[in-house]
């Protein structure tokens, strides 16, 4: 099996698992909690002021931003999905953080796109404090961005270390060769 097929299997495997979790949790909320109502198991009621499950809809972007932009975000999600599928096999094999980030982004975009196409709006249900209500797909997008940023930071850090090590070795070789010339001039 060639590398491109393996890459796509990993991408669609990871994204598929997250999409399945996202759709299953949204279905559970739609089936078991009336719209606008909230729920917490009795033993977790102490969390109620801070976190709860709420049945809510969103016609905008992640975390309830830009409401009533369903068509725009449907088109944007399709474009993001196409771009990820196209560019994924071009990512360097050792750049696993970018691959993970792209898989998470694909899952989040597809999870919310499914809702937009089938329901006309996205089902949100995770409510934490005064933060906007969100879902598994939104979380996947956010975690994907965090993984991407951490990966970029890590790669830049590694590149800086390699560059510093390269500069140190070239300085050391310059000094050893320069020192020989200097001593021959002194003697001569």
N, C-alpha and C. Protein backbone atom coordinates (compact mmCIF):
# COMPACT_ATOMS: atom_id res chain seq x y z
N UNK A 1 0.85 -1.18 0.00
CA UNK A 1 0.00 0.00 0.00
C UNK A 1 0.89 1.24 0.00
N UNK A 2 0.60 2.18 -0.90
CA UNK A 2 1.47 3.34 -0.97
C UNK A 2 1.18 4.34 0.15
N UNK A 3 2.09 5.28 0.33
CA UNK A 3 2.02 6.22 1.45
C UNK A 3 0.79 7.11 1.38
N UNK A 4 0.39 7.52 0.17
CA UNK A 4 -0.77 8.40 0.01
C UNK A 4 -2.04 7.72 0.51
N UNK A 5 -2.20 6.45 0.20
CA UNK A 5 -3.38 5.70 0.66
C UNK A 5 -3.35 5.58 2.18
N UNK A 6 -2.18 5.28 2.75
CA UNK A 6 -2.05 5.20 4.21
C UNK A 6 -2.40 6.53 4.87
N UNK A 7 -1.90 7.62 4.28
CA UNK A 7 -2.20 8.95 4.82
C UNK A 7 -3.70 9.21 4.85
N UNK A 8 -4.37 8.90 3.74
CA UNK A 8 -5.81 9.12 3.67
C UNK A 8 -6.57 8.20 4.63
N UNK A 9 -6.10 6.98 4.82
CA UNK A 9 -6.75 6.09 5.79
C UNK A 9 -6.68 6.65 7.20
N UNK A 10 -5.52 7.19 7.56
CA UNK A 10 -5.36 7.80 8.88
C UNK A 10 -6.25 9.04 8.99
N UNK A 11 -6.20 9.91 7.98
CA UNK A 11 -7.01 11.14 8.00
C UNK A 11 -8.49 10.81 8.15
N UNK A 12 -9.00 9.93 7.30
CA UNK A 12 -10.43 9.62 7.34
C UNK A 12 -10.81 8.76 8.54
N UNK A 13 -9.86 7.98 9.06
CA UNK A 13 -10.12 7.20 10.26
C UNK A 13 -10.30 8.10 11.48
N UNK A 14 -9.36 9.02 11.67
CA UNK A 14 -9.42 9.94 12.80
C UNK A 14 -10.65 10.86 12.66
N UNK A 15 -10.80 11.45 11.49
CA UNK A 15 -11.94 12.35 11.27
C UNK A 15 -13.26 11.60 11.40
N UNK A 16 -13.33 10.39 10.86
CA UNK A 16 -14.56 9.60 10.94
C UNK A 16 -14.97 9.29 12.37
N UNK A 17 -14.00 8.96 13.21
CA UNK A 17 -14.31 8.66 14.62
C UNK A 17 -14.85 9.90 15.33
N UNK A 18 -14.26 11.05 15.07
CA UNK A 18 -14.71 12.29 15.71
C UNK A 18 -16.08 12.70 15.17
N UNK A 19 -16.28 12.57 13.86
CA UNK A 19 -17.58 12.90 13.27
C UNK A 19 -18.66 12.00 13.87
N UNK A 20 -18.36 10.70 14.01
CA UNK A 20 -19.34 9.77 14.60
C UNK A 20 -19.69 10.19 16.03
N UNK A 21 -18.67 10.53 16.82
CA UNK A 21 -18.92 10.98 18.20
C UNK A 21 -19.75 12.26 18.20
N UNK A 22 -19.40 13.19 17.34
CA UNK A 22 -20.12 14.46 17.24
C UNK A 22 -21.59 14.22 16.89
N UNK A 23 -21.85 13.44 15.87
CA UNK A 23 -23.23 13.20 15.43
C UNK A 23 -24.02 12.41 16.46
N UNK A 24 -23.38 11.45 17.11
CA UNK A 24 -24.06 10.65 18.13
C UNK A 24 -24.46 11.52 19.33
N UNK A 25 -23.54 12.37 19.79
CA UNK A 25 -23.85 13.22 20.94
C UNK A 25 -24.95 14.24 20.60
N UNK A 26 -24.91 14.78 19.39
CA UNK A 26 -25.96 15.71 18.96
C UNK A 26 -27.31 14.99 18.90
N UNK A 27 -27.32 13.79 18.38
CA UNK A 27 -28.55 13.00 18.30
C UNK A 27 -29.10 12.75 19.70
N UNK A 28 -28.22 12.35 20.63
CA UNK A 28 -28.65 12.12 22.01
C UNK A 28 -29.32 13.36 22.60
N UNK A 29 -28.73 14.51 22.38
CA UNK A 29 -29.28 15.76 22.90
C UNK A 29 -30.63 16.05 22.26
N UNK A 30 -30.71 15.96 20.93
CA UNK A 30 -31.97 16.25 20.24
C UNK A 30 -33.09 15.30 20.68
N UNK A 31 -32.75 14.05 20.93
CA UNK A 31 -33.75 13.04 21.31
C UNK A 31 -34.18 13.12 22.77
N UNK A 32 -33.29 13.60 23.64
CA UNK A 32 -33.55 13.49 25.08
C UNK A 32 -33.73 14.79 25.84
N UNK A 33 -33.39 15.91 25.22
CA UNK A 33 -33.50 17.20 25.92
C UNK A 33 -34.31 18.14 25.05
N UNK A 34 -35.35 18.69 25.63
CA UNK A 34 -36.19 19.65 24.92
C UNK A 34 -35.35 20.88 24.55
N UNK A 35 -35.64 21.48 23.39
CA UNK A 35 -34.89 22.66 22.96
C UNK A 35 -34.95 23.75 24.04
N UNK A 36 -33.82 24.30 24.39
CA UNK A 36 -33.73 25.35 25.40
C UNK A 36 -33.58 24.82 26.82
N UNK A 37 -33.84 23.54 27.01
CA UNK A 37 -33.74 22.95 28.36
C UNK A 37 -32.29 22.55 28.64
N UNK A 38 -31.99 22.33 29.91
CA UNK A 38 -30.65 21.88 30.30
C UNK A 38 -30.75 20.62 31.14
N UNK A 39 -29.64 19.90 31.20
CA UNK A 39 -29.62 18.63 31.91
C UNK A 39 -28.25 18.40 32.52
N UNK A 40 -28.25 17.79 33.67
CA UNK A 40 -27.05 17.29 34.33
C UNK A 40 -27.48 16.10 35.18
N UNK A 41 -26.67 15.05 35.24
CA UNK A 41 -27.02 13.95 36.15
C UNK A 41 -27.06 14.47 37.59
N UNK A 42 -27.90 13.87 38.41
CA UNK A 42 -28.09 14.31 39.80
C UNK A 42 -26.76 14.43 40.54
N UNK A 43 -25.86 13.48 40.34
CA UNK A 43 -24.60 13.46 41.09
C UNK A 43 -23.63 14.56 40.64
N UNK A 44 -23.95 15.22 39.51
CA UNK A 44 -23.09 16.32 39.04
C UNK A 44 -23.76 17.69 39.18
N UNK A 45 -24.87 17.76 39.89
CA UNK A 45 -25.59 19.02 40.02
C UNK A 45 -24.73 20.14 40.61
N UNK A 46 -23.73 19.81 41.38
CA UNK A 46 -22.84 20.83 41.94
C UNK A 46 -22.10 21.59 40.84
N UNK A 47 -22.01 21.00 39.62
CA UNK A 47 -21.37 21.66 38.49
C UNK A 47 -22.28 22.65 37.77
N UNK A 48 -23.58 22.60 38.07
CA UNK A 48 -24.59 23.36 37.34
C UNK A 48 -24.25 24.83 37.10
N UNK A 49 -23.70 25.54 38.06
CA UNK A 49 -23.38 26.95 37.74
C UNK A 49 -22.23 27.08 36.74
N UNK A 50 -21.43 26.03 36.60
CA UNK A 50 -20.21 26.11 35.78
C UNK A 50 -20.31 25.36 34.47
N UNK A 51 -20.99 24.21 34.47
CA UNK A 51 -21.08 23.38 33.26
C UNK A 51 -22.39 22.62 33.26
N UNK A 52 -22.96 22.47 32.06
CA UNK A 52 -24.22 21.75 31.93
C UNK A 52 -24.42 21.38 30.47
N UNK A 53 -25.34 20.47 30.24
CA UNK A 53 -25.73 20.11 28.88
C UNK A 53 -27.00 20.90 28.56
N UNK A 54 -26.97 21.64 27.46
CA UNK A 54 -28.09 22.49 27.05
C UNK A 54 -28.40 22.20 25.59
N UNK A 55 -29.67 22.02 25.26
CA UNK A 55 -30.05 21.82 23.86
C UNK A 55 -30.23 23.19 23.22
N UNK A 56 -29.35 23.50 22.26
CA UNK A 56 -29.36 24.80 21.63
C UNK A 56 -29.08 24.66 20.14
N UNK A 57 -29.46 25.65 19.34
CA UNK A 57 -29.17 25.67 17.90
C UNK A 57 -28.27 26.85 17.58
N UNK A 58 -27.55 26.72 16.49
CA UNK A 58 -26.62 27.75 16.06
C UNK A 58 -26.68 27.81 14.54
N UNK A 59 -26.93 28.99 14.00
CA UNK A 59 -26.92 29.15 12.55
C UNK A 59 -25.70 29.93 12.09
N UNK A 60 -24.74 30.08 12.99
CA UNK A 60 -23.53 30.83 12.67
C UNK A 60 -22.30 29.94 12.72
N UNK A 61 -21.20 30.54 13.15
CA UNK A 61 -19.93 29.82 13.22
C UNK A 61 -19.79 29.15 14.58
N UNK A 62 -18.63 28.59 14.81
CA UNK A 62 -18.34 27.91 16.08
C UNK A 62 -18.59 28.86 17.24
N UNK A 63 -19.09 28.30 18.33
CA UNK A 63 -19.33 29.04 19.57
C UNK A 63 -20.37 30.15 19.41
N UNK A 64 -21.27 29.99 18.47
CA UNK A 64 -22.38 30.92 18.32
C UNK A 64 -22.05 32.25 17.66
N UNK A 65 -20.88 32.40 17.11
CA UNK A 65 -20.50 33.66 16.47
C UNK A 65 -21.16 33.79 15.10
N UNK A 66 -21.42 35.01 14.67
CA UNK A 66 -21.94 35.33 13.34
C UNK A 66 -23.23 34.57 13.01
N UNK A 67 -24.23 34.74 13.84
CA UNK A 67 -25.52 34.08 13.64
C UNK A 67 -26.13 34.41 12.28
N UNK A 68 -26.95 33.49 11.80
CA UNK A 68 -27.68 33.61 10.53
C UNK A 68 -26.76 33.61 9.32
N UNK A 69 -25.60 33.01 9.44
CA UNK A 69 -24.68 32.89 8.32
C UNK A 69 -24.59 31.46 7.82
N UNK A 70 -25.69 30.72 7.91
CA UNK A 70 -25.68 29.30 7.59
C UNK A 70 -25.16 29.01 6.19
N UNK A 71 -25.63 29.73 5.18
CA UNK A 71 -25.18 29.49 3.80
C UNK A 71 -23.69 29.77 3.64
N UNK A 72 -23.24 30.87 4.20
CA UNK A 72 -21.81 31.24 4.12
C UNK A 72 -20.95 30.16 4.78
N UNK A 73 -21.38 29.69 5.97
CA UNK A 73 -20.57 28.71 6.68
C UNK A 73 -20.69 27.31 6.06
N UNK A 74 -21.78 27.04 5.36
CA UNK A 74 -21.90 25.78 4.60
C UNK A 74 -20.87 25.77 3.48
N UNK A 75 -20.82 26.86 2.72
CA UNK A 75 -19.85 26.96 1.61
C UNK A 75 -18.42 26.95 2.14
N UNK A 76 -18.18 27.68 3.22
CA UNK A 76 -16.84 27.73 3.81
C UNK A 76 -16.41 26.34 4.29
N UNK A 77 -17.31 25.61 4.93
CA UNK A 77 -16.98 24.25 5.40
C UNK A 77 -16.64 23.34 4.23
N UNK A 78 -17.38 23.43 3.15
CA UNK A 78 -17.09 22.61 1.96
C UNK A 78 -15.71 22.94 1.41
N UNK A 79 -15.39 24.22 1.32
CA UNK A 79 -14.07 24.65 0.82
C UNK A 79 -12.95 24.16 1.73
N UNK A 80 -13.15 24.27 3.05
CA UNK A 80 -12.14 23.80 4.01
C UNK A 80 -11.92 22.29 3.85
N UNK A 81 -13.00 21.55 3.75
CA UNK A 81 -12.90 20.09 3.60
C UNK A 81 -12.14 19.73 2.33
N UNK A 82 -12.48 20.37 1.22
CA UNK A 82 -11.79 20.11 -0.06
C UNK A 82 -10.31 20.45 0.06
N UNK A 83 -9.99 21.60 0.66
CA UNK A 83 -8.59 22.01 0.82
C UNK A 83 -7.80 21.01 1.67
N UNK A 84 -8.39 20.56 2.76
CA UNK A 84 -7.69 19.60 3.63
C UNK A 84 -7.44 18.29 2.88
N UNK A 85 -8.45 17.79 2.20
CA UNK A 85 -8.30 16.52 1.47
C UNK A 85 -7.24 16.67 0.37
N UNK A 86 -7.21 17.82 -0.29
CA UNK A 86 -6.23 18.05 -1.35
C UNK A 86 -4.80 18.17 -0.81
N UNK A 87 -4.62 18.97 0.24
CA UNK A 87 -3.27 19.26 0.74
C UNK A 87 -2.71 18.21 1.71
N UNK A 88 -3.55 17.39 2.30
CA UNK A 88 -3.09 16.45 3.31
C UNK A 88 -1.93 15.56 2.85
N UNK A 89 -2.00 14.94 1.66
CA UNK A 89 -0.87 14.07 1.27
C UNK A 89 0.41 14.84 0.94
N UNK A 90 0.33 16.16 0.82
CA UNK A 90 1.52 16.96 0.53
C UNK A 90 2.30 17.34 1.79
N UNK A 91 1.72 17.06 2.95
CA UNK A 91 2.38 17.38 4.21
C UNK A 91 3.53 16.39 4.41
N UNK A 92 4.66 16.91 4.86
CA UNK A 92 5.83 16.07 5.12
C UNK A 92 5.47 14.96 6.10
N UNK A 93 5.93 13.74 5.88
CA UNK A 93 5.59 12.62 6.78
C UNK A 93 5.96 12.86 8.24
N UNK A 94 7.04 13.60 8.49
CA UNK A 94 7.47 13.82 9.87
C UNK A 94 6.68 14.95 10.55
N UNK A 95 5.87 15.68 9.80
CA UNK A 95 5.09 16.79 10.38
C UNK A 95 3.75 16.26 10.89
N UNK A 96 3.81 15.39 11.89
CA UNK A 96 2.61 14.73 12.40
C UNK A 96 1.65 15.70 13.08
N UNK A 97 2.17 16.80 13.66
CA UNK A 97 1.27 17.74 14.32
C UNK A 97 0.35 18.42 13.29
N UNK A 98 0.88 18.74 12.12
CA UNK A 98 0.05 19.32 11.07
C UNK A 98 -0.99 18.32 10.59
N UNK A 99 -0.59 17.06 10.49
CA UNK A 99 -1.53 16.02 10.06
C UNK A 99 -2.65 15.83 11.09
N UNK A 100 -2.31 15.82 12.36
CA UNK A 100 -3.33 15.70 13.41
C UNK A 100 -4.25 16.92 13.37
N UNK A 101 -3.66 18.11 13.25
CA UNK A 101 -4.46 19.34 13.20
C UNK A 101 -5.42 19.32 12.02
N UNK A 102 -4.95 18.88 10.87
CA UNK A 102 -5.80 18.82 9.69
C UNK A 102 -6.93 17.81 9.87
N UNK A 103 -6.64 16.68 10.50
CA UNK A 103 -7.67 15.68 10.77
C UNK A 103 -8.74 16.22 11.71
N UNK A 104 -8.33 16.93 12.73
CA UNK A 104 -9.28 17.54 13.67
C UNK A 104 -10.11 18.62 12.99
N UNK A 105 -9.47 19.43 12.15
CA UNK A 105 -10.19 20.47 11.42
C UNK A 105 -11.20 19.86 10.44
N UNK A 106 -10.79 18.81 9.76
CA UNK A 106 -11.69 18.12 8.83
C UNK A 106 -12.91 17.58 9.58
N UNK A 107 -12.67 16.94 10.72
CA UNK A 107 -13.77 16.38 11.51
C UNK A 107 -14.73 17.46 11.98
N UNK A 108 -14.19 18.56 12.48
CA UNK A 108 -15.05 19.64 12.96
C UNK A 108 -15.86 20.27 11.85
N UNK A 109 -15.21 20.54 10.73
CA UNK A 109 -15.93 21.15 9.60
C UNK A 109 -17.01 20.21 9.08
N UNK A 110 -16.70 18.93 8.95
CA UNK A 110 -17.67 17.96 8.43
C UNK A 110 -18.81 17.72 9.42
N UNK A 111 -18.49 17.65 10.71
CA UNK A 111 -19.53 17.42 11.71
C UNK A 111 -20.58 18.51 11.71
N UNK A 112 -20.14 19.76 11.66
CA UNK A 112 -21.10 20.86 11.62
C UNK A 112 -21.75 21.01 10.25
N UNK A 113 -21.04 20.65 9.18
CA UNK A 113 -21.62 20.69 7.83
C UNK A 113 -22.79 19.70 7.73
N UNK A 114 -22.64 18.54 8.31
CA UNK A 114 -23.73 17.55 8.29
C UNK A 114 -24.99 18.14 8.92
N UNK A 115 -24.83 18.80 10.05
CA UNK A 115 -25.98 19.45 10.70
C UNK A 115 -26.59 20.53 9.80
N UNK A 116 -25.75 21.35 9.21
CA UNK A 116 -26.25 22.43 8.37
C UNK A 116 -27.04 21.89 7.18
N UNK A 117 -26.53 20.81 6.57
CA UNK A 117 -27.20 20.25 5.40
C UNK A 117 -28.48 19.49 5.77
N UNK A 118 -28.46 18.76 6.89
CA UNK A 118 -29.62 17.94 7.27
C UNK A 118 -30.64 18.68 8.12
N UNK A 119 -30.20 19.60 8.95
CA UNK A 119 -31.10 20.28 9.90
C UNK A 119 -31.28 21.77 9.63
N UNK A 120 -30.40 22.35 8.82
CA UNK A 120 -30.47 23.78 8.56
C UNK A 120 -29.80 24.62 9.63
N UNK A 121 -29.33 23.99 10.68
CA UNK A 121 -28.63 24.67 11.77
C UNK A 121 -27.82 23.62 12.54
N UNK A 122 -26.89 24.10 13.34
CA UNK A 122 -26.01 23.21 14.10
C UNK A 122 -26.56 23.03 15.51
N UNK A 123 -26.55 21.79 15.99
CA UNK A 123 -26.96 21.52 17.36
C UNK A 123 -25.75 21.71 18.28
N UNK A 124 -25.90 22.58 19.26
CA UNK A 124 -24.87 22.82 20.28
C UNK A 124 -25.43 22.36 21.61
N UNK A 125 -24.55 21.93 22.53
CA UNK A 125 -25.07 21.41 23.80
C UNK A 125 -24.12 21.52 24.98
N UNK A 126 -22.87 21.83 24.78
CA UNK A 126 -21.93 21.92 25.89
C UNK A 126 -21.89 23.37 26.36
N UNK A 127 -22.29 23.59 27.61
CA UNK A 127 -22.32 24.94 28.16
C UNK A 127 -21.38 24.99 29.36
N UNK A 128 -20.38 25.86 29.28
CA UNK A 128 -19.39 26.02 30.35
C UNK A 128 -19.36 27.49 30.74
N UNK A 129 -19.78 27.76 31.98
CA UNK A 129 -19.78 29.14 32.48
C UNK A 129 -20.58 30.04 31.58
N UNK A 130 -20.03 31.21 31.26
CA UNK A 130 -20.72 32.16 30.39
C UNK A 130 -20.21 32.06 28.95
N UNK A 131 -19.39 31.04 28.68
CA UNK A 131 -18.86 30.82 27.33
C UNK A 131 -20.00 30.37 26.42
N UNK A 132 -19.99 30.75 25.13
CA UNK A 132 -21.06 30.32 24.23
C UNK A 132 -21.16 28.78 24.17
N UNK A 133 -22.37 28.29 23.98
CA UNK A 133 -22.64 26.85 23.91
C UNK A 133 -21.95 26.29 22.66
N UNK A 134 -21.36 25.10 22.78
CA UNK A 134 -20.62 24.50 21.66
C UNK A 134 -20.88 23.01 21.60
N UNK A 135 -20.19 22.30 20.71
CA UNK A 135 -20.38 20.86 20.52
C UNK A 135 -19.03 20.18 20.27
N UNK A 136 -19.07 18.89 19.99
CA UNK A 136 -17.83 18.12 19.76
C UNK A 136 -17.10 18.63 18.53
N UNK A 137 -17.84 18.96 17.45
CA UNK A 137 -17.20 19.47 16.23
C UNK A 137 -16.48 20.79 16.49
N UNK A 138 -17.12 21.68 17.23
CA UNK A 138 -16.46 22.95 17.58
C UNK A 138 -15.19 22.69 18.38
N UNK A 139 -15.28 21.76 19.31
CA UNK A 139 -14.11 21.40 20.13
C UNK A 139 -12.99 20.86 19.26
N UNK A 140 -13.35 20.04 18.28
CA UNK A 140 -12.37 19.46 17.37
C UNK A 140 -11.65 20.55 16.57
N UNK A 141 -12.40 21.53 16.11
CA UNK A 141 -11.80 22.65 15.37
C UNK A 141 -10.84 23.41 16.28
N UNK A 142 -11.28 23.70 17.49
CA UNK A 142 -10.45 24.45 18.44
C UNK A 142 -9.18 23.69 18.81
N UNK A 143 -9.33 22.41 19.12
CA UNK A 143 -8.16 21.59 19.46
C UNK A 143 -7.23 21.50 18.26
N UNK A 144 -7.79 21.41 17.06
CA UNK A 144 -6.97 21.39 15.85
C UNK A 144 -6.13 22.64 15.70
N UNK A 145 -6.72 23.79 15.99
CA UNK A 145 -5.97 25.06 15.93
C UNK A 145 -4.86 25.07 16.98
N UNK A 146 -5.17 24.60 18.19
CA UNK A 146 -4.17 24.56 19.26
C UNK A 146 -3.02 23.62 18.88
N UNK A 147 -3.34 22.44 18.36
CA UNK A 147 -2.30 21.49 17.93
C UNK A 147 -1.45 22.11 16.82
N UNK A 148 -2.10 22.80 15.89
CA UNK A 148 -1.37 23.46 14.80
C UNK A 148 -0.40 24.51 15.35
N UNK A 149 -0.89 25.35 16.24
CA UNK A 149 -0.04 26.40 16.82
C UNK A 149 1.12 25.81 17.63
N UNK A 150 0.83 24.78 18.43
CA UNK A 150 1.89 24.12 19.19
C UNK A 150 2.90 23.46 18.26
N UNK A 151 2.42 22.87 17.18
CA UNK A 151 3.31 22.24 16.20
C UNK A 151 4.22 23.25 15.53
N UNK A 152 3.67 24.38 15.16
CA UNK A 152 4.47 25.45 14.54
C UNK A 152 5.51 25.96 15.54
N UNK A 153 5.06 26.19 16.77
CA UNK A 153 5.99 26.66 17.81
C UNK A 153 7.12 25.65 18.03
N UNK A 154 6.75 24.37 18.13
CA UNK A 154 7.75 23.31 18.35
C UNK A 154 8.74 23.24 17.19
N UNK A 155 8.22 23.30 15.95
CA UNK A 155 9.08 23.21 14.77
C UNK A 155 10.03 24.40 14.72
N UNK A 156 9.53 25.60 15.00
CA UNK A 156 10.40 26.78 15.01
C UNK A 156 11.47 26.67 16.08
N UNK A 157 11.09 26.12 17.21
CA UNK A 157 12.04 25.93 18.31
C UNK A 157 13.14 24.94 17.91
N UNK A 158 12.74 23.83 17.28
CA UNK A 158 13.71 22.83 16.83
C UNK A 158 14.62 23.41 15.75
N UNK A 159 14.05 24.17 14.81
CA UNK A 159 14.85 24.80 13.76
C UNK A 159 15.84 25.79 14.35
N UNK A 160 15.42 26.56 15.35
CA UNK A 160 16.33 27.52 16.01
C UNK A 160 17.47 26.79 16.71
N UNK A 161 17.15 25.66 17.35
CA UNK A 161 18.20 24.87 18.01
C UNK A 161 19.20 24.34 16.99
N UNK A 162 18.67 23.81 15.87
CA UNK A 162 19.56 23.28 14.83
C UNK A 162 20.43 24.39 14.25
N UNK A 163 19.83 25.55 14.03
CA UNK A 163 20.57 26.68 13.48
C UNK A 163 21.65 27.14 14.46
N UNK A 164 21.30 27.20 15.74
CA UNK A 164 22.27 27.60 16.75
C UNK A 164 23.40 26.58 16.83
N UNK A 165 23.07 25.30 16.76
CA UNK A 165 24.10 24.26 16.79
C UNK A 165 24.98 24.36 15.55
N UNK A 166 24.38 24.66 14.40
CA UNK A 166 25.15 24.83 13.17
C UNK A 166 26.06 26.03 13.23
N UNK A 167 25.58 27.12 13.81
CA UNK A 167 26.40 28.32 13.97
C UNK A 167 27.55 28.05 14.93
N UNK A 168 27.29 27.32 16.00
CA UNK A 168 28.35 27.00 16.97
C UNK A 168 29.43 26.17 16.32
N UNK A 169 29.05 25.17 15.52
CA UNK A 169 30.06 24.32 14.89
C UNK A 169 30.84 25.11 13.83
N UNK A 170 30.19 26.02 13.10
CA UNK A 170 30.93 26.81 12.10
C UNK A 170 31.82 27.84 12.79
N UNK A 171 31.38 28.39 13.91
CA UNK A 171 32.23 29.32 14.67
C UNK A 171 33.45 28.58 15.20
N UNK A 172 33.23 27.38 15.71
CA UNK A 172 34.33 26.57 16.23
C UNK A 172 35.34 26.23 15.14
N UNK A 173 34.86 25.89 13.94
CA UNK A 173 35.80 25.54 12.87
C UNK A 173 36.49 26.80 12.34
N UNK A 174 35.79 27.95 12.32
CA UNK A 174 36.42 29.20 11.91
C UNK A 174 37.52 29.59 12.88
N UNK A 175 37.26 29.41 14.18
CA UNK A 175 38.24 29.79 15.18
C UNK A 175 39.47 28.88 15.09
N UNK A 176 39.25 27.59 14.87
CA UNK A 176 40.40 26.69 14.82
C UNK A 176 41.23 26.94 13.56
N UNK A 177 40.56 27.22 12.43
CA UNK A 177 41.36 27.50 11.23
C UNK A 177 41.96 28.90 11.29
N UNK A 178 41.20 29.84 11.85
CA UNK A 178 41.71 31.22 11.99
C UNK A 178 42.87 31.26 12.95
N UNK A 179 42.82 30.48 14.00
CA UNK A 179 43.89 30.48 15.00
C UNK A 179 45.19 29.99 14.40
N UNK A 180 45.12 29.01 13.50
CA UNK A 180 46.33 28.48 12.87
C UNK A 180 47.00 29.53 12.01
N UNK A 181 46.20 30.31 11.28
CA UNK A 181 46.76 31.35 10.43
C UNK A 181 47.41 32.42 11.27
N UNK A 182 46.80 32.75 12.37
CA UNK A 182 47.33 33.80 13.21
C UNK A 182 48.68 33.38 13.80
N UNK A 183 48.77 32.14 14.26
CA UNK A 183 50.03 31.71 14.87
C UNK A 183 51.13 31.61 13.83
N UNK A 184 50.80 31.26 12.57
CA UNK A 184 51.84 31.18 11.56
C UNK A 184 52.34 32.59 11.20
N UNK A 185 51.46 33.57 11.27
CA UNK A 185 51.90 34.94 11.00
C UNK A 185 52.81 35.45 12.12
N UNK A 186 52.50 35.08 13.33
CA UNK A 186 53.31 35.53 14.44
C UNK A 186 54.71 34.91 14.35
N UNK A 187 54.72 33.64 13.99
CA UNK A 187 56.02 32.96 13.89
C UNK A 187 56.81 33.44 12.70
N UNK A 188 56.11 33.76 11.61
CA UNK A 188 56.78 34.10 10.36
C UNK A 188 57.32 35.45 10.37
